[in-house]
Amino acid sequence: MTPALRPYTYVTLSVEPNATPRLSVAFHTADLRVRTGVLHKPRPYLEISSTEANVSISTTGAGHVTGEDLRVAREIFNAAARYLADCERLHLGTPAEGSSEAVA
């Protein structure tokens, strides 16, 4: 039997000499809130947050929507759709493509 895993959010900051600092946020919890909206200018945003951390995504330079912003928004949309499909498939115990075993 697998032990119960507790939900958590993992935040790390890596700072090295002569390098750009790197911040990483990993949500390992179902206790997430996801919001979207449009701020002034107009400027859309996507926010994902838990009690421990918040990630906000918006347009380049907090300005008007660019073609690159549209590309990123489509990439986020497609990744979220794949994540949903994987969660649904694994929740049902359906094996991954090319696998002969069901998920325990």
N, C-alpha and C. Protein backbone atom coordinates (compact mmCIF):
# COMPACT_ATOMS: atom_id res chain seq x y z
N MET A 1 0.84 -1.17 0.00
CA MET A 1 0.00 0.00 0.00
C MET A 1 0.90 1.25 0.00
N THR A 2 0.59 2.21 -0.84
CA THR A 2 1.35 3.44 -0.93
C THR A 2 0.97 4.35 0.23
N PRO A 3 1.96 4.91 0.93
CA PRO A 3 1.63 5.83 2.02
C PRO A 3 0.97 7.09 1.48
N ALA A 4 0.10 7.68 2.28
CA ALA A 4 -0.58 8.91 1.88
C ALA A 4 0.44 10.03 1.72
N LEU A 5 0.36 10.70 0.60
CA LEU A 5 1.25 11.81 0.33
C LEU A 5 0.56 13.10 0.71
N ARG A 6 1.27 13.95 1.41
CA ARG A 6 0.70 15.24 1.81
C ARG A 6 0.94 16.26 0.71
N PRO A 7 -0.03 17.13 0.47
CA PRO A 7 0.15 18.16 -0.55
C PRO A 7 1.19 19.20 -0.09
N TYR A 8 1.89 19.77 -1.05
CA TYR A 8 2.86 20.81 -0.73
C TYR A 8 3.15 21.66 -1.96
N THR A 9 3.73 22.81 -1.71
CA THR A 9 4.23 23.70 -2.76
C THR A 9 5.71 23.88 -2.50
N TYR A 10 6.51 23.73 -3.55
CA TYR A 10 7.97 23.78 -3.42
C TYR A 10 8.47 25.00 -4.19
N VAL A 11 9.11 25.93 -3.49
CA VAL A 11 9.62 27.15 -4.11
C VAL A 11 11.12 27.20 -3.90
N THR A 12 11.89 27.39 -4.99
CA THR A 12 13.35 27.51 -4.87
C THR A 12 13.82 28.73 -5.65
N LEU A 13 14.90 29.32 -5.16
CA LEU A 13 15.55 30.44 -5.83
C LEU A 13 17.02 30.08 -5.96
N SER A 14 17.52 30.07 -7.18
CA SER A 14 18.93 29.77 -7.43
C SER A 14 19.61 31.05 -7.91
N VAL A 15 20.68 31.42 -7.20
CA VAL A 15 21.44 32.61 -7.57
C VAL A 15 22.90 32.21 -7.67
N GLU A 16 23.46 32.39 -8.87
CA GLU A 16 24.87 32.07 -9.09
C GLU A 16 25.58 33.30 -9.65
N PRO A 17 26.85 33.46 -9.36
CA PRO A 17 27.59 34.61 -9.90
C PRO A 17 27.51 34.65 -11.42
N ASN A 18 27.37 35.84 -11.97
CA ASN A 18 27.35 36.08 -13.42
C ASN A 18 26.26 35.30 -14.15
N ALA A 19 25.17 35.00 -13.46
CA ALA A 19 24.05 34.30 -14.08
C ALA A 19 22.74 34.96 -13.67
N THR A 20 21.75 34.78 -14.49
CA THR A 20 20.42 35.29 -14.16
C THR A 20 19.83 34.44 -13.05
N PRO A 21 19.30 35.06 -11.98
CA PRO A 21 18.66 34.27 -10.92
C PRO A 21 17.50 33.45 -11.51
N ARG A 22 17.25 32.28 -10.92
CA ARG A 22 16.19 31.39 -11.41
C ARG A 22 15.26 31.04 -10.26
N LEU A 23 13.98 31.32 -10.44
CA LEU A 23 12.95 31.01 -9.46
C LEU A 23 12.11 29.87 -10.01
N SER A 24 11.87 28.87 -9.17
CA SER A 24 11.07 27.71 -9.56
C SER A 24 9.95 27.52 -8.54
N VAL A 25 8.74 27.30 -9.04
CA VAL A 25 7.59 27.03 -8.19
C VAL A 25 6.96 25.73 -8.66
N ALA A 26 6.83 24.76 -7.76
CA ALA A 26 6.22 23.47 -8.09
C ALA A 26 5.04 23.24 -7.16
N PHE A 27 3.85 23.21 -7.73
CA PHE A 27 2.64 22.95 -6.96
C PHE A 27 2.38 21.45 -6.95
N HIS A 28 2.35 20.85 -5.79
CA HIS A 28 2.01 19.43 -5.63
C HIS A 28 0.82 19.35 -4.69
N THR A 29 -0.26 20.01 -5.08
CA THR A 29 -1.45 20.09 -4.25
C THR A 29 -2.67 20.33 -5.14
N ALA A 30 -3.79 19.82 -4.72
CA ALA A 30 -5.05 20.10 -5.41
C ALA A 30 -5.68 21.38 -4.86
N ASP A 31 -5.06 21.95 -3.82
CA ASP A 31 -5.56 23.18 -3.21
C ASP A 31 -5.03 24.38 -3.99
N LEU A 32 -5.41 24.45 -5.27
CA LEU A 32 -4.98 25.55 -6.12
C LEU A 32 -6.16 26.40 -6.51
N ARG A 33 -5.87 27.65 -6.72
CA ARG A 33 -6.85 28.57 -7.27
C ARG A 33 -6.30 29.07 -8.60
N VAL A 34 -7.14 29.09 -9.61
CA VAL A 34 -6.75 29.58 -10.92
C VAL A 34 -7.72 30.68 -11.30
N ARG A 35 -7.14 31.85 -11.63
CA ARG A 35 -7.97 33.00 -12.01
C ARG A 35 -7.44 33.59 -13.30
N THR A 36 -8.33 34.21 -14.04
CA THR A 36 -7.94 34.98 -15.21
C THR A 36 -8.74 36.26 -15.21
N GLY A 37 -8.26 37.21 -15.95
CA GLY A 37 -8.98 38.47 -16.07
C GLY A 37 -8.26 39.40 -17.02
N VAL A 38 -8.79 40.59 -17.14
CA VAL A 38 -8.18 41.62 -17.97
C VAL A 38 -8.02 42.87 -17.11
N LEU A 39 -6.78 43.33 -17.01
CA LEU A 39 -6.47 44.54 -16.25
C LEU A 39 -6.52 45.74 -17.18
N HIS A 40 -6.21 46.90 -16.65
CA HIS A 40 -6.19 48.12 -17.45
C HIS A 40 -5.18 48.01 -18.59
N LYS A 41 -5.23 48.81 -19.57
CA LYS A 41 -4.36 49.00 -20.76
C LYS A 41 -4.95 48.43 -22.03
N PRO A 42 -5.74 47.50 -22.28
CA PRO A 42 -6.12 46.31 -21.51
C PRO A 42 -5.02 45.25 -21.56
N ARG A 43 -4.94 44.49 -20.49
CA ARG A 43 -3.88 43.49 -20.35
C ARG A 43 -4.44 42.25 -19.65
N PRO A 44 -4.45 41.08 -20.34
CA PRO A 44 -4.95 39.85 -19.73
C PRO A 44 -3.92 39.25 -18.76
N TYR A 45 -4.40 38.46 -17.81
CA TYR A 45 -3.50 37.77 -16.90
C TYR A 45 -4.06 36.40 -16.56
N LEU A 46 -3.16 35.50 -16.17
CA LEU A 46 -3.48 34.16 -15.68
C LEU A 46 -2.75 34.02 -14.36
N GLU A 47 -3.46 33.61 -13.33
CA GLU A 47 -2.86 33.48 -12.00
C GLU A 47 -3.16 32.09 -11.44
N ILE A 48 -2.12 31.43 -10.95
CA ILE A 48 -2.25 30.13 -10.29
C ILE A 48 -1.65 30.30 -8.91
N SER A 49 -2.41 29.94 -7.86
CA SER A 49 -1.90 30.16 -6.51
C SER A 49 -2.35 29.08 -5.54
N SER A 50 -1.52 28.89 -4.52
CA SER A 50 -1.84 28.04 -3.37
C SER A 50 -1.67 28.94 -2.15
N THR A 51 -1.79 28.37 -0.96
CA THR A 51 -1.58 29.18 0.23
C THR A 51 -0.12 29.57 0.39
N GLU A 52 0.79 28.83 -0.27
CA GLU A 52 2.22 29.09 -0.12
C GLU A 52 2.84 29.94 -1.21
N ALA A 53 2.25 29.97 -2.41
CA ALA A 53 2.89 30.66 -3.52
C ALA A 53 1.86 31.13 -4.54
N ASN A 54 2.28 32.08 -5.35
CA ASN A 54 1.44 32.65 -6.38
C ASN A 54 2.28 32.82 -7.65
N VAL A 55 1.73 32.41 -8.79
CA VAL A 55 2.38 32.61 -10.08
C VAL A 55 1.41 33.39 -10.95
N SER A 56 1.88 34.49 -11.51
CA SER A 56 1.05 35.32 -12.36
C SER A 56 1.73 35.47 -13.72
N ILE A 57 0.95 35.30 -14.78
CA ILE A 57 1.46 35.40 -16.15
C ILE A 57 0.66 36.49 -16.85
N SER A 58 1.38 37.37 -17.54
CA SER A 58 0.72 38.41 -18.30
C SER A 58 1.54 38.73 -19.54
N THR A 59 1.20 39.79 -20.21
CA THR A 59 1.80 40.14 -21.49
C THR A 59 3.21 40.68 -21.36
N THR A 60 3.93 40.66 -22.48
CA THR A 60 5.30 41.14 -22.53
C THR A 60 5.40 42.57 -22.03
N GLY A 61 6.27 42.78 -21.05
CA GLY A 61 6.46 44.13 -20.51
C GLY A 61 5.22 44.71 -19.89
N ALA A 62 4.24 43.88 -19.56
CA ALA A 62 2.96 44.33 -19.00
C ALA A 62 2.26 45.30 -19.95
N GLY A 63 2.52 45.12 -21.26
CA GLY A 63 1.93 46.00 -22.26
C GLY A 63 0.83 45.32 -23.05
N HIS A 64 0.57 45.88 -24.23
CA HIS A 64 -0.47 45.33 -25.10
C HIS A 64 -0.08 43.94 -25.61
N VAL A 65 -1.06 43.17 -26.02
CA VAL A 65 -0.85 41.80 -26.47
C VAL A 65 -0.07 41.80 -27.79
N THR A 66 1.01 41.02 -27.80
CA THR A 66 1.84 40.88 -29.00
C THR A 66 1.60 39.51 -29.64
N GLY A 67 2.13 39.31 -30.82
CA GLY A 67 2.05 38.01 -31.47
C GLY A 67 2.74 36.94 -30.64
N GLU A 68 3.84 37.28 -30.00
CA GLU A 68 4.55 36.33 -29.14
C GLU A 68 3.70 35.98 -27.91
N ASP A 69 2.97 36.95 -27.37
CA ASP A 69 2.06 36.68 -26.25
C ASP A 69 0.98 35.68 -26.67
N LEU A 70 0.46 35.83 -27.89
CA LEU A 70 -0.53 34.87 -28.40
C LEU A 70 0.07 33.48 -28.51
N ARG A 71 1.32 33.37 -28.99
CA ARG A 71 1.98 32.08 -29.10
C ARG A 71 2.10 31.42 -27.73
N VAL A 72 2.52 32.20 -26.72
CA VAL A 72 2.67 31.66 -25.36
C VAL A 72 1.31 31.24 -24.80
N ALA A 73 0.28 32.04 -25.02
CA ALA A 73 -1.06 31.71 -24.52
C ALA A 73 -1.56 30.40 -25.14
N ARG A 74 -1.29 30.20 -26.43
CA ARG A 74 -1.68 28.94 -27.08
C ARG A 74 -0.90 27.77 -26.50
N GLU A 75 0.38 27.99 -26.22
CA GLU A 75 1.21 26.93 -25.64
C GLU A 75 0.69 26.55 -24.26
N ILE A 76 0.31 27.54 -23.45
CA ILE A 76 -0.27 27.27 -22.12
C ILE A 76 -1.58 26.50 -22.28
N PHE A 77 -2.43 26.93 -23.20
CA PHE A 77 -3.71 26.26 -23.43
C PHE A 77 -3.50 24.81 -23.82
N ASN A 78 -2.62 24.54 -24.78
CA ASN A 78 -2.37 23.18 -25.24
C ASN A 78 -1.77 22.31 -24.13
N ALA A 79 -0.85 22.86 -23.35
CA ALA A 79 -0.25 22.10 -22.25
C ALA A 79 -1.31 21.78 -21.19
N ALA A 80 -2.20 22.74 -20.90
CA ALA A 80 -3.26 22.50 -19.91
C ALA A 80 -4.22 21.42 -20.41
N ALA A 81 -4.52 21.41 -21.70
CA ALA A 81 -5.40 20.38 -22.26
C ALA A 81 -4.75 19.00 -22.16
N ARG A 82 -3.44 18.91 -22.42
CA ARG A 82 -2.73 17.63 -22.28
C ARG A 82 -2.69 17.19 -20.82
N TYR A 83 -2.47 18.13 -19.90
CA TYR A 83 -2.46 17.82 -18.46
C TYR A 83 -3.81 17.27 -18.03
N LEU A 84 -4.89 17.91 -18.47
CA LEU A 84 -6.24 17.43 -18.16
C LEU A 84 -6.45 16.03 -18.70
N ALA A 85 -6.08 15.79 -19.94
CA ALA A 85 -6.26 14.46 -20.53
C ALA A 85 -5.46 13.41 -19.78
N ASP A 86 -4.22 13.72 -19.40
CA ASP A 86 -3.41 12.77 -18.64
C ASP A 86 -4.01 12.50 -17.26
N CYS A 87 -4.49 13.55 -16.59
CA CYS A 87 -5.11 13.36 -15.27
C CYS A 87 -6.35 12.48 -15.38
N GLU A 88 -7.19 12.75 -16.38
CA GLU A 88 -8.40 11.94 -16.56
C GLU A 88 -8.05 10.49 -16.84
N ARG A 89 -7.09 10.27 -17.73
CA ARG A 89 -6.69 8.91 -18.10
C ARG A 89 -6.12 8.18 -16.90
N LEU A 90 -5.23 8.81 -16.15
CA LEU A 90 -4.60 8.16 -15.00
C LEU A 90 -5.59 7.96 -13.84
N HIS A 91 -6.53 8.88 -13.68
CA HIS A 91 -7.56 8.74 -12.64
C HIS A 91 -8.41 7.49 -12.90
N LEU A 92 -8.64 7.20 -14.17
CA LEU A 92 -9.42 6.01 -14.54
C LEU A 92 -8.58 4.74 -14.56
N GLY A 93 -7.25 4.89 -14.39
CA GLY A 93 -6.38 3.72 -14.38
C GLY A 93 -6.06 3.21 -15.77
N THR A 94 -6.26 4.03 -16.78
CA THR A 94 -5.98 3.64 -18.15
C THR A 94 -4.47 3.68 -18.39
N PRO A 95 -3.92 2.63 -19.00
CA PRO A 95 -2.48 2.63 -19.25
C PRO A 95 -2.08 3.70 -20.26
N ALA A 96 -0.82 4.12 -20.16
CA ALA A 96 -0.28 5.08 -21.11
C ALA A 96 -0.16 4.42 -22.47
N GLU A 97 -0.12 5.24 -23.52
CA GLU A 97 0.03 4.71 -24.86
C GLU A 97 1.28 3.86 -24.94
N GLY A 98 1.17 2.69 -25.56
CA GLY A 98 2.32 1.82 -25.72
C GLY A 98 2.65 0.99 -24.48
N SER A 99 1.85 1.14 -23.41
CA SER A 99 2.08 0.38 -22.19
C SER A 99 1.09 -0.76 -22.09
N SER A 100 1.52 -1.87 -21.50
CA SER A 100 0.62 -3.01 -21.35
C SER A 100 0.11 -3.13 -19.90
N GLU A 101 0.52 -2.17 -19.05
CA GLU A 101 0.12 -2.25 -17.64
C GLU A 101 -0.79 -1.11 -17.27
N ALA A 102 -1.77 -1.39 -16.41
CA ALA A 102 -2.64 -0.35 -15.88
C ALA A 102 -1.93 0.35 -14.75
N VAL A 103 -2.34 1.57 -14.48
CA VAL A 103 -1.77 2.36 -13.39
C VAL A 103 -2.36 1.89 -12.08
N ALA A 104 -1.50 1.69 -11.07
CA ALA A 104 -1.99 1.21 -9.76
C ALA A 104 -2.57 2.34 -8.96
